[in-house]
Every structure is written in C-alpha cells, then in structure tokens.
C-alpha cells in the first residue's frame, strides 16, 4: 500500500498526472489554488478527452481561510428551442437520444466557469497570473500531442462502433478507423487552435464572439437546437454551497441542479447511525453505507432538479430531524428493495490546496463517455450530452423545458473539521459519486485512514456508473469473503468487480492540517497522481 504524498507549499490531485502537474507548475510560479485549478482543468480537457471537454459543464467549491465557502455553477441550460414538441416533431417520442446533435441541447458552461474563477482569483486572492498563462500546457498537449492512456484506449474500443457514425468522432478519436493503442500519440490541432483563441480573446469569445458563431454553425449542422442567443444569454453563476452540520465539523457541497444534497444526506445519515462503532472492515459498514445511499437517492428522485422547478428548499432536506428520520428507516441486517439507477456518466474530479490554505474542489464533465459523440468541425470541441437526461414526459421531475438546467450528478465536496483540518475530495461516476464520497470521507474522518489508504481501499457501487449497466450492488473482489457472504445473506444482490475496477470511479483526496502539512491520495484505478512541493 502506497502512503499519502505530503507537502507544505501546495498540492494538486487529478485522475491524469499531467493535469496535476499543470496545477503544480502554477503553484510553483506563485499562483493560487484557483489559478492552479484552471490550468489543471484546461489540461484535463485535452489529455482525458473521453471524460471531459470544454464542450461540457463544471462546478467549483472554494475555501479561503477565515471566510465562508463559495461555489461556482458553470452549468449550461437547455436551448430556447428545446421543447417536448420540438423533439417529438423530430421523431423522438419516448426519450431524447443519448448521442448525436439531438443530444447536444445544452450550452457548455465549463469555459464560463474558468472565466468566473479567474475573476474571483484576482478579486479575492489577488491572483496575478494572466488567463493565457493558465492555458499554456493544454495548448501544448493539444497541438503537439499527448500519450493515449489505457483508460482512453479502453473507452474508445468500447464505444467506437456506437459513436463512429457521429460527426467528427472517427477523424478525431480513431486511427484509420481503429481505436488508438495505449501510449500512441494523440494530437488535437483544431482544439489547440481553439484554446489559443480563448487564451488570446478571452472566455467571452466562446459565448459571444466569433468562436461562438463558429460553434453554433457546427452544432446546427448536427441537428442541435442551440442558437447564438442561447450562448449569448449564458453566464456562470456564483452561489452558496449547501452545508451539513456533522459531529466532526462542516461538510459542504453544491446545491441543485447537482446531487450535492445527496452526498451530504448520506454522510448525515451515517453520522446519525454512529458509523464509527461498526468498524471499517466489517459487512455492517458497507451495509449501512449502501442503505443510507438508498434513503438519500429516494429523496433525490422525489425532489432534486433545476432549483427554479423545485418545490422544497434543499437546505430543509439537511435538517437534523429529517436526517434522523431517514436513519431510523434503515434496518441493520436487511437490505431494502432497490430499483433502477441512473444511466452511466463520465467525469473528472480534481483538487488543489495552496500554501496559504486556499482550497478548490472541482468537477468537469461530458456526461456519457465522449458526450454526445460529436466533435465540431471548425473548433475540434467534443460536445456534452447532459441534456439527454431531460424527460419528454411533461409530468416528470426533469421534464424538458426551454432554458431549464439539467439535473447533474456532479458534486465536488469539501469538509472543514472542528480540529482545523480542511479536506477536498470527490470522484467521477454518476450514482457512484455520493457513494465513493461517503467511503473516502468516513475512512479518513471517522476511521483515521490517511488519504491514499482511503482512496485505494476496496469500494462498492450500488447501481450504475461509468462502464456499468446493471443495478446490482457491485463490490471489488478485494473485499474479504466473509463480508460478501454476510451482505448476500442480508439480501443484497451482489456482483463482483475486478480488484481495482474503474467502474467505482477515479477518486482523490487532499487534507491540509493545522500545522500547514498537506497530504493527499490519488486513485490507483486512474491515470492520475498527487503533485506537491
């Protein structure tokens, strides 16, 4: 078992090593955590293309010592033309397609999040590095190339037949019609030129300039309903995170349209159940985490959507009386029934803490692997399919409506402990995100594991996430046989995964201690690392 990486002056963790190193380079130049995360986000969008893109969405959770935490919602809304009738007139009767131009129905918010974060860095942290500097690594890797990861190669093999017919996919991601081999060179010159343009003209060009007009032209050719007016109207939004009062401190996450409240509910339920008494290496621990997940998911599936359409204040869902009621509904040795989960999703989570103690928990996504599967001809941008999660049933919780924000599984987390520690943590993976967050948090905060041990330890997944389609309780094979046997006897429908299975996500965690020591762990299931100095 590898131990946590430790440093004093700054640390970054990412599911691709080059993204973490881009952040570290900024920290070494005197940049702050926000500036470092912009660099990591830009690099990640180039070097991990099956997981995220500048054609996707992102969310930021920010901590500055002595101040209340803040957040940035960089999620794009549905096109003004995207109505239920519009889709039905185009042959989509039951559901919005997951691939192609019809799936590309929401504005990509990621670049606006970078812009909002950079402004906030200058205003609140006296950030001095120019926006163009923060994109330098990403531009280099796009124009000069980067080695294909095992994860990208495997994802391309799995999706090549499905996605090859989509505009731009084959010429961008395949080599003579064949998925690239791990270690081969992957070059994205059009995307490099686009990033250069953003570095020169600013992020506003993505939404209101010539770049925006180029993007809209290409989207229109794929059948997307997005127009220039949709891009012009988009802005990233500063918001207040949700907060759970935990026995060990405060835990923060993003408000709707994300499922941040779900991640907080799970941890609140486990706190009410006094999870520390059962021991981290027991079937009781996994069982209670899974049952808490079921309770929280039921709340999510009744209430959580675009906040403009919610009928309850998400903060009321975190009240101690509500959390206690959910905890009381859990049977200690009997699995509750479980139905279908949400479709798979792909994402990157990254964290940065600088020497001053400023911390960023960040997540960026395309939704499904390679998003809508389309790559825009002029700009080389892969576009998300987040809007395929809308329903064409007007009575549904997530019913499609023009200008509505889609539900997001994305939810970066941050904890501030009573003992003075600050922790950023998170993962990729749809329904798996709240579950892995629960595992990482409890293993570190309740059971005293170091970040690397907590991230590396065997994990579970109830339902579906990246690369999975069944709704079983999936457990990595490294769990002891006695744990698997007990869980089966208690009524869990068990499926065994590989020892270190990518299906349970690419997690990461960084903690800053009161004495200034920073320690972190990166997921061995990913291509990532911890970079520190």
Protein backbone atom coordinates (compact mmCIF):
# COMPACT_ATOMS: atom_id res chain seq x y z
CA UNK A 1 0.00 0.00 0.00
CA UNK A 2 1.45 3.36 -1.00
CA UNK A 3 1.38 6.10 1.59
CA UNK A 4 -0.05 9.58 1.13
CA UNK A 5 2.05 12.22 -0.57
CA UNK A 6 2.93 15.13 1.71
CA UNK A 7 3.97 18.71 1.05
CA UNK A 8 3.91 22.16 2.58
CA UNK A 9 3.66 24.75 -0.17
CA UNK A 10 0.93 23.31 -2.36
CA UNK A 11 -0.66 20.14 -3.70
CA UNK A 12 -2.86 19.01 -6.57
CA UNK A 13 -4.53 15.68 -7.35
CA UNK A 14 -6.10 14.71 -10.66
CA UNK A 15 -7.07 11.49 -12.49
CA UNK A 16 -4.43 12.28 -15.14
CA UNK A 17 -0.89 13.01 -13.96
CA UNK A 18 -0.32 15.81 -16.48
CA UNK A 19 -3.30 17.76 -15.14
CA UNK A 20 -1.94 17.58 -11.59
CA UNK A 21 1.47 18.67 -12.84
CA UNK A 22 -0.04 21.63 -14.71
CA UNK A 23 -1.57 22.77 -11.44
CA UNK A 24 1.72 22.29 -9.59
CA UNK A 25 3.58 24.40 -12.17
CA UNK A 26 1.21 27.29 -11.47
CA UNK A 27 1.63 26.89 -7.71
CA UNK A 28 5.42 26.96 -8.12
CA UNK A 29 5.12 30.26 -10.01
CA UNK A 30 3.31 31.77 -7.05
CA UNK A 31 -0.18 31.14 -8.38
CA UNK A 32 -3.05 30.40 -6.04
CA UNK A 33 -5.30 27.35 -5.83
CA UNK A 34 -7.91 28.80 -8.20
CA UNK A 35 -5.34 29.67 -10.87
CA UNK A 36 -3.81 26.22 -10.49
CA UNK A 37 -7.18 24.57 -10.92
CA UNK A 38 -7.92 26.48 -14.13
CA UNK A 39 -4.65 25.13 -15.53
CA UNK A 40 -5.50 21.60 -14.40
CA UNK A 41 -9.00 21.86 -15.87
CA UNK A 42 -7.71 23.03 -19.25
CA UNK A 43 -5.09 20.28 -19.40
CA UNK A 44 -7.58 17.64 -18.33
CA UNK A 45 -9.95 18.66 -21.11
CA UNK A 46 -7.17 17.82 -23.59
CA UNK A 47 -5.47 14.76 -22.10
CA UNK A 48 -8.56 12.89 -20.82
CA UNK A 49 -10.95 13.51 -23.74
CA UNK A 50 -13.32 10.61 -23.08
CA UNK A 51 -14.07 12.01 -19.63
CA UNK A 52 -14.36 15.78 -20.09
CA UNK A 53 -14.11 18.64 -22.57
CA UNK A 54 -14.51 22.37 -22.95
CA UNK A 55 -17.82 21.36 -24.52
CA UNK A 56 -19.09 20.25 -21.09
CA UNK A 57 -20.10 21.66 -17.70
CA UNK A 58 -18.24 22.20 -14.43
CA UNK A 59 -18.76 23.08 -10.78
CA UNK A 60 -16.38 24.70 -8.29
CA UNK A 61 -16.29 24.59 -4.48
CA UNK A 62 -13.93 27.13 -2.90
CA UNK A 63 -12.42 27.63 0.56
CA UNK A 64 -10.45 30.66 1.71
CA UNK A 65 -9.21 30.59 5.32
CA UNK A 66 -11.34 32.75 7.57
CA UNK A 67 -14.15 33.14 5.05
CA UNK A 68 -17.37 31.30 4.28
CA UNK A 69 -17.01 28.76 1.45
CA UNK A 70 -18.20 29.72 -2.02
CA UNK A 71 -19.19 27.94 -5.21
CA UNK A 72 -19.44 28.43 -8.96
CA UNK A 73 -22.21 26.86 -11.01
CA UNK A 74 -20.90 26.61 -14.59
CA UNK A 75 -23.80 24.57 -15.92
CA UNK A 76 -25.44 25.42 -19.23
CA UNK A 77 -29.20 25.49 -19.76
CA UNK A 78 -31.34 23.89 -22.43
CA UNK A 79 -31.76 25.72 -25.72
CA UNK A 80 -34.69 28.10 -26.07
CA UNK A 81 -35.93 25.90 -28.92
CA UNK A 82 -35.62 22.67 -26.93
CA UNK A 83 -39.22 21.82 -26.14
CA UNK A 84 -41.00 18.47 -25.87
CA UNK A 85 -42.92 19.27 -29.05
CA UNK A 86 -39.67 20.14 -30.86
CA UNK A 87 -38.27 16.69 -30.09
CA UNK A 88 -41.45 14.84 -30.96
CA UNK A 89 -41.60 16.63 -34.29
CA UNK A 90 -38.19 15.09 -34.98
CA UNK A 91 -39.21 11.55 -34.17
CA UNK A 92 -38.12 11.40 -30.51
CA UNK A 93 -41.33 10.16 -28.91
CA UNK A 94 -40.15 8.30 -25.79
CA UNK A 95 -36.81 9.90 -24.90
CA UNK A 96 -34.12 12.30 -26.04
CA UNK A 97 -31.35 10.37 -27.83
CA UNK A 98 -28.12 9.94 -25.87
CA UNK A 99 -25.90 10.60 -28.89
CA UNK A 100 -25.76 12.97 -31.84
CA UNK A 101 -26.93 16.53 -32.37
CA UNK A 102 -30.31 15.99 -30.71
CA UNK A 103 -28.45 15.10 -27.52
CA UNK A 104 -26.38 18.32 -27.72
CA UNK A 105 -29.15 20.55 -26.45
CA UNK A 106 -27.49 22.47 -23.59
CA UNK A 107 -24.89 25.23 -23.63
CA UNK A 108 -21.44 24.13 -22.40
CA UNK A 109 -20.65 26.03 -19.22
CA UNK A 110 -17.08 24.92 -18.47
CA UNK A 111 -15.22 27.83 -20.10
CA UNK A 112 -17.50 30.35 -18.38
CA UNK A 113 -16.56 28.70 -15.08
CA UNK A 114 -12.87 29.18 -15.82
CA UNK A 115 -13.56 32.85 -16.57
CA UNK A 116 -15.61 33.37 -13.38
CA UNK A 117 -12.96 31.61 -11.30
CA UNK A 118 -10.18 33.76 -12.78
CA UNK A 119 -12.08 36.96 -11.97
CA UNK A 120 -12.69 35.69 -8.45
CA UNK A 121 -9.00 34.84 -8.07
CA UNK A 122 -7.99 38.37 -8.98
CA UNK A 123 -10.61 40.00 -6.77
CA UNK A 124 -10.45 37.80 -3.66
CA UNK A 125 -6.96 36.31 -3.75
CA UNK A 126 -5.00 38.97 -5.66
CA UNK A 127 -4.21 36.45 -8.36
CA UNK A 128 -1.66 37.82 -10.80
CA UNK A 129 -1.19 35.17 -13.49
CA UNK A 130 -2.79 36.03 -16.85
CA UNK A 131 -5.51 33.76 -18.16
CA UNK A 132 -3.36 32.90 -21.19
CA UNK A 133 -0.61 31.51 -18.95
CA UNK A 134 -3.05 29.10 -17.33
CA UNK A 135 -3.88 27.52 -20.71
CA UNK A 136 -0.31 27.06 -21.92
CA UNK A 137 0.05 23.38 -21.03
CA UNK A 138 -3.33 22.49 -22.50
CA UNK A 139 -2.45 24.23 -25.77
CA UNK A 140 0.88 22.41 -25.96
CA UNK A 141 -0.67 18.98 -25.35
CA UNK A 142 -3.41 19.62 -27.92
CA UNK A 143 -1.06 20.89 -30.64
CA UNK A 144 1.97 18.66 -30.00
CA UNK A 145 0.14 15.60 -28.77
CA UNK A 146 -0.16 13.50 -25.63
CA UNK A 147 0.19 9.77 -24.97
CA UNK A 148 -3.10 7.88 -25.11
CA UNK A 149 -3.97 6.47 -21.69
CA UNK A 150 -5.17 2.94 -21.08
CA UNK A 151 -8.49 4.42 -19.94
CA UNK A 152 -8.96 6.39 -23.18
CA UNK A 153 -7.98 3.41 -25.31
CA UNK A 154 -10.38 1.07 -23.49
CA UNK A 155 -13.24 3.57 -23.65
CA UNK A 156 -12.67 4.13 -27.37
CA UNK A 157 -12.70 0.37 -28.02
CA UNK A 158 -15.95 0.03 -26.07
CA UNK A 159 -17.70 2.92 -27.83
CA UNK A 160 -16.15 3.01 -31.32
CA UNK A 161 -18.91 1.07 -33.09
CA UNK A 162 -21.64 3.13 -31.44
CA UNK A 163 -20.01 6.52 -31.99
CA UNK A 164 -18.14 6.18 -35.29
CA UNK A 165 -21.20 7.42 -37.27
CA UNK A 166 -21.38 10.64 -35.27
CA UNK A 167 -19.97 13.79 -36.93
CA UNK A 168 -16.26 14.23 -36.24
CA UNK A 169 -15.82 11.22 -33.95
CA UNK A 170 -13.90 8.93 -36.30
CA UNK A 171 -11.49 11.58 -37.58
CA UNK A 172 -10.77 12.78 -34.04
CA UNK A 173 -10.55 9.62 -31.96
CA UNK A 174 -9.80 6.75 -34.38
CA UNK A 175 -6.67 5.98 -36.37
CA UNK A 176 -7.55 4.62 -39.82
CA UNK A 177 -10.89 3.54 -38.38
CA UNK A 178 -9.28 1.78 -35.40
CA UNK A 179 -9.10 2.83 -31.72
CA UNK A 180 -5.64 4.12 -30.74
CA UNK A 181 -3.26 1.96 -28.76
CA UNK A 182 -2.20 2.96 -25.24
CA UNK A 183 0.96 5.05 -25.45
CA UNK A 184 0.36 6.19 -29.03
CA UNK A 185 0.41 9.92 -29.78
CA UNK A 186 -2.94 11.74 -29.73
CA UNK A 187 -2.94 15.16 -31.41
CA UNK A 188 -5.86 17.66 -31.48
CA UNK A 189 -4.69 20.59 -33.58
CA UNK A 190 -8.13 22.15 -34.05
CA UNK A 191 -8.74 22.09 -30.30
CA UNK A 192 -5.28 23.57 -29.75
CA UNK A 193 -6.12 26.46 -32.06
CA UNK A 194 -9.41 26.97 -30.22
CA UNK A 195 -7.66 27.09 -26.86
CA UNK A 196 -5.16 29.59 -28.28
CA UNK A 197 -8.07 31.71 -29.39
CA UNK A 198 -9.67 31.57 -25.94
CA UNK A 199 -6.32 32.46 -24.35
CA UNK A 200 -5.98 35.46 -26.65
CA UNK A 201 -9.55 36.74 -26.91
CA UNK A 202 -10.84 35.62 -23.52
CA UNK A 203 -13.57 33.23 -22.49
CA UNK A 204 -16.26 35.64 -23.69
CA UNK A 205 -15.37 34.71 -27.29
CA UNK A 206 -16.72 31.23 -26.56
CA UNK A 207 -20.16 32.68 -25.85
CA UNK A 208 -20.46 36.00 -27.63
CA UNK A 209 -17.71 36.24 -30.24
CA UNK A 210 -16.54 34.72 -33.50
CA UNK A 211 -15.75 31.43 -31.77
CA UNK A 212 -19.33 31.22 -30.52
CA UNK A 213 -20.63 31.79 -34.06
CA UNK A 214 -18.36 29.00 -35.35
CA UNK A 215 -19.60 26.64 -32.62
CA UNK A 216 -23.24 27.43 -33.37
CA UNK A 217 -22.75 26.83 -37.10
CA UNK A 218 -21.27 23.41 -36.47
CA UNK A 219 -23.89 22.47 -33.89
CA UNK A 220 -26.66 23.45 -36.29
CA UNK A 221 -25.23 21.06 -38.89
CA UNK A 222 -25.53 18.18 -36.40
CA UNK A 223 -29.21 18.92 -35.73
CA UNK A 224 -28.69 20.57 -32.33
CA UNK A 225 -31.33 23.12 -31.26
CA UNK A 226 -28.72 25.52 -29.79
CA UNK A 227 -28.51 29.03 -31.26
CA UNK A 228 -26.35 32.10 -30.82
CA UNK A 229 -28.97 33.59 -28.49
CA UNK A 230 -28.55 30.63 -26.13
CA UNK A 231 -24.80 31.23 -25.95
CA UNK A 232 -25.13 34.98 -25.52
CA UNK A 233 -27.52 34.51 -22.60
CA UNK A 234 -25.23 32.13 -20.70
CA UNK A 235 -23.32 33.17 -17.58
CA UNK A 236 -21.59 31.16 -14.87
CA UNK A 237 -23.21 31.79 -11.50
CA UNK A 238 -21.65 32.38 -8.10
CA UNK A 239 -23.67 30.61 -5.43
CA UNK A 240 -23.60 29.49 -1.80
CA UNK A 241 -22.86 25.82 -1.18
CA UNK A 242 -25.05 23.57 0.92
CA UNK A 243 -23.74 22.76 4.39
CA UNK A 244 -24.22 19.70 6.60
CA UNK A 245 -23.54 20.14 10.31
CA UNK A 246 -21.64 16.95 11.16
CA UNK A 247 -20.38 15.81 14.56
CA UNK A 248 -16.81 16.29 13.24
CA UNK A 249 -17.35 19.67 11.58
CA UNK A 250 -18.99 21.12 8.48
CA UNK A 251 -19.28 19.38 5.12
CA UNK A 252 -20.02 21.42 2.01
CA UNK A 253 -21.29 20.55 -1.43
CA UNK A 254 -23.01 22.13 -4.42
CA UNK A 255 -26.74 22.97 -4.41
CA UNK A 256 -29.15 21.79 -7.12
CA UNK A 257 -29.19 21.15 -10.01
CA UNK A 258 -26.38 18.91 -8.69
CA UNK A 259 -26.92 15.96 -6.38
CA UNK A 260 -24.69 17.53 -3.73
CA UNK A 261 -27.52 17.30 -1.22
CA UNK A 262 -27.48 13.52 -1.73
CA UNK A 263 -23.81 13.23 -0.80
CA UNK A 264 -24.44 15.32 2.30
CA UNK A 265 -27.53 13.31 3.27
CA UNK A 266 -25.61 10.03 3.14
CA UNK A 267 -22.94 11.39 5.47
CA UNK A 268 -25.59 12.87 7.78
CA UNK A 269 -27.41 9.53 7.98
CA UNK A 270 -24.17 7.68 8.70
CA UNK A 271 -23.35 10.19 11.42
CA UNK A 272 -26.78 9.65 12.96
CA UNK A 273 -26.16 5.89 12.85
CA UNK A 274 -22.81 6.41 14.63
CA UNK A 275 -20.98 4.60 11.84
CA UNK A 276 -17.68 4.71 13.73
CA UNK A 277 -18.88 1.97 16.08
CA UNK A 278 -19.12 -0.73 13.41
CA UNK A 279 -15.53 -0.70 12.11
CA UNK A 280 -14.42 0.00 8.55
CA UNK A 281 -13.57 -3.64 7.75
CA UNK A 282 -16.98 -5.10 8.53
CA UNK A 283 -20.05 -6.03 6.48
CA UNK A 284 -22.04 -3.71 8.75
CA UNK A 285 -20.05 -0.72 7.43
CA UNK A 286 -20.75 -1.47 3.78
CA UNK A 287 -24.38 -2.38 4.51
CA UNK A 288 -25.12 0.86 6.36
CA UNK A 289 -23.40 2.94 3.67
CA UNK A 290 -25.47 1.24 0.97
CA UNK A 291 -28.73 1.59 2.89
CA UNK A 292 -28.01 5.26 3.60
CA UNK A 293 -27.45 5.68 -0.14
CA UNK A 294 -30.87 4.18 -0.89
CA UNK A 295 -32.54 6.58 1.50
CA UNK A 296 -30.75 9.59 0.03
CA UNK A 297 -31.43 8.53 -3.56
CA UNK A 298 -35.16 8.28 -2.82
CA UNK A 299 -35.07 11.88 -1.62
CA UNK A 300 -33.14 12.88 -4.74
CA UNK A 301 -35.56 11.18 -7.08
CA UNK A 302 -38.53 12.94 -5.47
CA UNK A 303 -37.12 16.44 -5.20
CA UNK A 304 -33.76 17.35 -6.77
CA UNK A 305 -33.82 19.13 -10.12
CA UNK A 306 -33.25 22.63 -11.52
CA UNK A 307 -33.78 24.81 -8.41
CA UNK A 308 -36.20 27.01 -10.33
CA UNK A 309 -38.52 23.99 -10.53
CA UNK A 310 -38.01 22.54 -7.03
CA UNK A 311 -40.90 22.57 -4.58
CA UNK A 312 -38.72 22.31 -1.48
CA UNK A 313 -35.72 24.27 -0.25
CA UNK A 314 -32.80 21.81 -0.45
CA UNK A 315 -31.47 23.15 2.84
CA UNK A 316 -34.55 21.78 4.64
CA UNK A 317 -33.63 18.29 3.47
CA UNK A 318 -30.48 18.52 5.60
CA UNK A 319 -32.25 19.46 8.84
CA UNK A 320 -31.29 17.15 11.72
CA UNK A 321 -34.87 15.93 12.19
CA UNK A 322 -35.12 14.90 8.54
CA UNK A 323 -31.72 13.19 8.62
CA UNK A 324 -32.67 11.31 11.80
CA UNK A 325 -35.96 10.17 10.27
CA UNK A 326 -34.10 8.74 7.26
CA UNK A 327 -31.62 6.98 9.55
CA UNK A 328 -34.46 5.41 11.52
CA UNK A 329 -35.78 3.87 8.31
CA UNK A 330 -32.67 1.67 7.91
CA UNK A 331 -32.69 -1.98 9.01
CA UNK A 332 -29.34 -3.06 10.40
CA UNK A 333 -29.26 -6.53 8.85
CA UNK A 334 -31.71 -6.40 5.97
CA UNK A 335 -31.30 -4.79 2.54
CA UNK A 336 -34.14 -2.54 1.43
CA UNK A 337 -35.54 -3.08 -2.08
CA UNK A 338 -33.75 -1.20 -4.83
CA UNK A 339 -34.89 -0.25 -8.31
CA UNK A 340 -33.19 1.18 -11.38
CA UNK A 341 -30.40 3.71 -11.01
CA UNK A 342 -29.40 6.50 -13.34
CA UNK A 343 -27.54 5.98 -16.62
CA UNK A 344 -23.72 5.85 -16.59
CA UNK A 345 -21.75 9.08 -16.62
CA UNK A 346 -18.16 10.18 -17.06
CA UNK A 347 -16.39 12.98 -15.25
CA UNK A 348 -13.13 14.17 -13.74
CA UNK A 349 -12.75 15.38 -10.15
CA UNK A 350 -9.65 17.36 -9.16
CA UNK A 351 -8.48 19.08 -6.00
CA UNK A 352 -5.91 21.78 -5.18
CA UNK A 353 -4.77 23.28 -1.87
CA UNK A 354 -2.13 26.01 -1.90
CA UNK A 355 0.38 27.00 0.77
CA UNK A 356 -1.89 29.72 2.10
CA UNK A 357 -4.61 27.16 2.75
CA UNK A 358 -6.93 28.16 -0.10
CA UNK A 359 -8.65 25.04 -1.41
CA UNK A 360 -10.60 24.10 -4.53
CA UNK A 361 -12.75 21.04 -5.12
CA UNK A 362 -13.63 20.89 -8.81
CA UNK A 363 -15.51 18.65 -11.22
CA UNK A 364 -15.80 18.79 -15.01
CA UNK A 365 -17.81 16.51 -17.25
CA UNK A 366 -19.18 15.50 -20.66
CA UNK A 367 -21.88 13.23 -19.09
CA UNK A 368 -21.55 9.96 -21.06
CA UNK A 369 -18.24 8.73 -22.48
CA UNK A 370 -17.32 11.23 -25.23
CA UNK A 371 -20.55 13.15 -24.52
CA UNK A 372 -22.90 13.35 -27.48
CA UNK A 373 -20.19 11.71 -29.59
CA UNK A 374 -19.96 14.70 -31.93
CA UNK A 375 -16.80 16.76 -32.50
CA UNK A 376 -17.31 20.17 -34.05
CA UNK A 377 -15.55 20.57 -37.39
CA UNK A 378 -14.03 24.04 -37.05
CA UNK A 379 -13.16 24.12 -33.35
CA UNK A 380 -12.48 20.44 -32.60
CA UNK A 381 -14.70 20.63 -29.50
CA UNK A 382 -16.46 17.50 -28.25
CA UNK A 383 -19.94 18.42 -27.03
CA UNK A 384 -21.71 17.12 -23.96
CA UNK A 385 -24.99 15.18 -23.90
CA UNK A 386 -26.05 16.30 -20.43
CA UNK A 387 -29.42 17.42 -21.78
CA UNK A 388 -30.31 13.86 -22.76
CA UNK A 389 -31.19 13.41 -19.08
CA UNK A 390 -34.31 15.56 -19.58
CA UNK A 391 -37.62 13.72 -19.83
CA UNK A 392 -40.12 14.12 -22.66
CA UNK A 393 -42.91 13.44 -20.16
CA UNK A 394 -44.26 16.84 -19.11
CA UNK A 395 -45.23 15.39 -15.71
CA UNK A 396 -41.74 14.13 -14.88
CA UNK A 397 -39.43 15.73 -12.30
CA UNK A 398 -36.87 16.53 -15.02
CA UNK A 399 -39.31 17.44 -17.79
CA UNK A 400 -37.64 19.23 -20.67
CA UNK A 401 -38.36 22.96 -20.91
CA UNK A 402 -36.59 25.75 -22.81
CA UNK A 403 -33.91 27.38 -20.68
CA UNK A 404 -34.11 24.74 -17.97
CA UNK A 405 -30.95 23.42 -16.33
CA UNK A 406 -30.40 19.66 -16.48
CA UNK A 407 -30.01 17.53 -13.35
CA UNK A 408 -26.32 16.95 -12.62
CA UNK A 409 -24.71 14.01 -10.88
CA UNK A 410 -21.63 16.25 -10.50
CA UNK A 411 -20.88 17.34 -6.93
CA UNK A 412 -17.42 18.30 -5.62
CA UNK A 413 -17.06 18.09 -1.84
CA UNK A 414 -15.16 19.98 0.86
CA UNK A 415 -15.01 19.44 4.63
CA UNK A 416 -13.87 21.81 7.38
CA UNK A 417 -13.23 19.92 10.60
CA UNK A 418 -13.51 21.15 14.17
CA UNK A 419 -9.83 20.30 14.69
CA UNK A 420 -8.77 22.78 11.98
CA UNK A 421 -8.23 20.39 9.08
CA UNK A 422 -9.60 21.20 5.62
CA UNK A 423 -10.28 18.40 3.13
CA UNK A 424 -11.24 18.44 -0.54
CA UNK A 425 -12.40 15.16 -2.07
CA UNK A 426 -14.51 13.74 -4.87
CA UNK A 427 -14.74 11.32 -7.75
CA UNK A 428 -16.16 10.68 -11.19
CA UNK A 429 -19.05 8.35 -11.78
CA UNK A 430 -22.79 9.19 -11.83
CA UNK A 431 -24.59 7.41 -8.99
CA UNK A 432 -21.19 6.32 -7.71
CA UNK A 433 -20.12 9.86 -6.77
CA UNK A 434 -22.05 10.15 -3.48
CA UNK A 435 -21.15 6.56 -2.57
CA UNK A 436 -17.42 6.99 -3.12
CA UNK A 437 -17.51 10.32 -1.31
CA UNK A 438 -19.08 8.52 1.66
CA UNK A 439 -16.35 5.87 1.57
CA UNK A 440 -13.49 8.37 1.34
CA UNK A 441 -14.90 10.74 3.96
CA UNK A 442 -15.72 8.10 6.57
CA UNK A 443 -12.46 6.24 6.10
CA UNK A 444 -10.47 9.45 6.61
CA UNK A 445 -12.59 11.38 9.10
CA UNK A 446 -14.18 8.60 11.14
CA UNK A 447 -11.69 5.72 10.91
CA UNK A 448 -8.45 7.71 10.71
CA UNK A 449 -7.05 6.39 7.42
CA UNK A 450 -4.63 8.57 5.50
CA UNK A 451 -5.94 9.91 2.17
CA UNK A 452 -4.08 7.41 -0.01
CA UNK A 453 -5.26 4.43 2.03
CA UNK A 454 -8.84 5.73 1.99
CA UNK A 455 -8.83 6.19 -1.78
CA UNK A 456 -7.10 2.87 -2.51
CA UNK A 457 -9.23 0.72 -0.19
CA UNK A 458 -11.79 -1.58 -1.85
CA UNK A 459 -15.01 0.15 -2.81
CA UNK A 460 -18.58 -0.68 -3.71
CA UNK A 461 -21.19 0.71 -6.08
CA UNK A 462 -24.95 0.42 -5.85
CA UNK A 463 -26.49 0.81 -9.30
CA UNK A 464 -24.87 2.10 -12.43
CA UNK A 465 -21.96 4.33 -13.26
CA UNK A 466 -19.26 4.69 -15.93
CA UNK A 467 -19.00 1.44 -17.90
CA UNK A 468 -21.81 -0.34 -15.99
CA UNK A 469 -25.45 -1.01 -16.89
CA UNK A 470 -26.75 -3.28 -14.10
CA UNK A 471 -28.31 -2.12 -10.82
CA UNK A 472 -26.67 -4.69 -8.53
CA UNK A 473 -24.50 -3.95 -5.52
CA UNK A 474 -21.05 -4.20 -7.08
CA UNK A 475 -18.03 -4.85 -4.88
CA UNK A 476 -14.37 -5.05 -5.77
CA UNK A 477 -13.04 -8.57 -5.29
CA UNK A 478 -10.57 -7.40 -2.65
CA UNK A 479 -13.35 -7.38 -0.03
CA UNK A 480 -12.98 -10.34 2.32
CA UNK A 481 -15.19 -13.34 1.63
CA UNK A 482 -16.93 -13.01 4.98
CA UNK A 483 -18.12 -9.51 4.07
CA UNK A 484 -19.51 -10.70 0.73
CA UNK A 485 -21.23 -13.66 2.38
CA UNK A 486 -22.91 -11.53 5.05
CA UNK A 487 -24.10 -8.93 2.55
CA UNK A 488 -25.63 -11.66 0.41
CA UNK A 489 -27.39 -13.17 3.42
CA UNK A 490 -28.81 -9.75 4.29
CA UNK A 491 -30.48 -9.55 0.87
CA UNK A 492 -28.06 -7.59 -1.30
CA UNK A 493 -27.88 -8.60 -4.98
CA UNK A 494 -24.11 -8.82 -5.31
CA UNK A 495 -21.87 -8.58 -8.38
CA UNK A 496 -18.09 -8.94 -8.10
CA UNK A 497 -15.80 -6.50 -9.91
CA UNK A 498 -12.09 -6.54 -10.65
CA UNK A 499 -9.71 -5.87 -7.71
CA UNK A 500 -9.13 -2.25 -8.78
CA UNK A 501 -12.09 -1.56 -11.05
CA UNK A 502 -12.55 1.72 -12.94
CA UNK A 503 -16.31 1.29 -12.54
CA UNK A 504 -16.13 2.51 -8.93
CA UNK A 505 -14.64 5.80 -10.08
CA UNK A 506 -11.45 7.83 -10.05
CA UNK A 507 -11.36 9.38 -6.59
CA UNK A 508 -8.97 11.79 -4.94
CA UNK A 509 -8.47 13.50 -1.59
CA UNK A 510 -6.27 16.26 -0.12
CA UNK A 511 -6.13 17.35 3.53
CA UNK A 512 -4.43 20.42 4.97
CA UNK A 513 -3.57 20.07 8.65
CA UNK A 514 -3.48 22.97 11.13
CA UNK A 515 0.34 22.83 11.16
CA UNK A 516 0.42 23.54 7.41
CA UNK A 517 1.25 20.00 6.29
CA UNK A 518 -0.73 18.96 3.22
CA UNK A 519 -1.27 15.28 2.34
CA UNK A 520 -3.15 13.65 -0.48
CA UNK A 521 -4.02 10.48 -2.29
CA UNK A 522 -4.74 9.70 -5.95
CA UNK A 523 -6.75 6.75 -7.23
CA UNK A 524 -4.71 3.77 -8.49
CA UNK A 525 -7.71 2.98 -10.69
CA UNK A 526 -6.98 6.13 -12.73
CA UNK A 527 -4.02 7.57 -14.67
CA UNK A 528 -3.59 10.21 -12.01
CA UNK A 529 -1.18 11.30 -9.34
CA UNK A 530 -0.61 13.68 -6.46
CA UNK A 531 1.75 16.54 -7.31
CA UNK A 532 3.19 18.52 -4.41
CA UNK A 533 6.09 20.67 -3.25
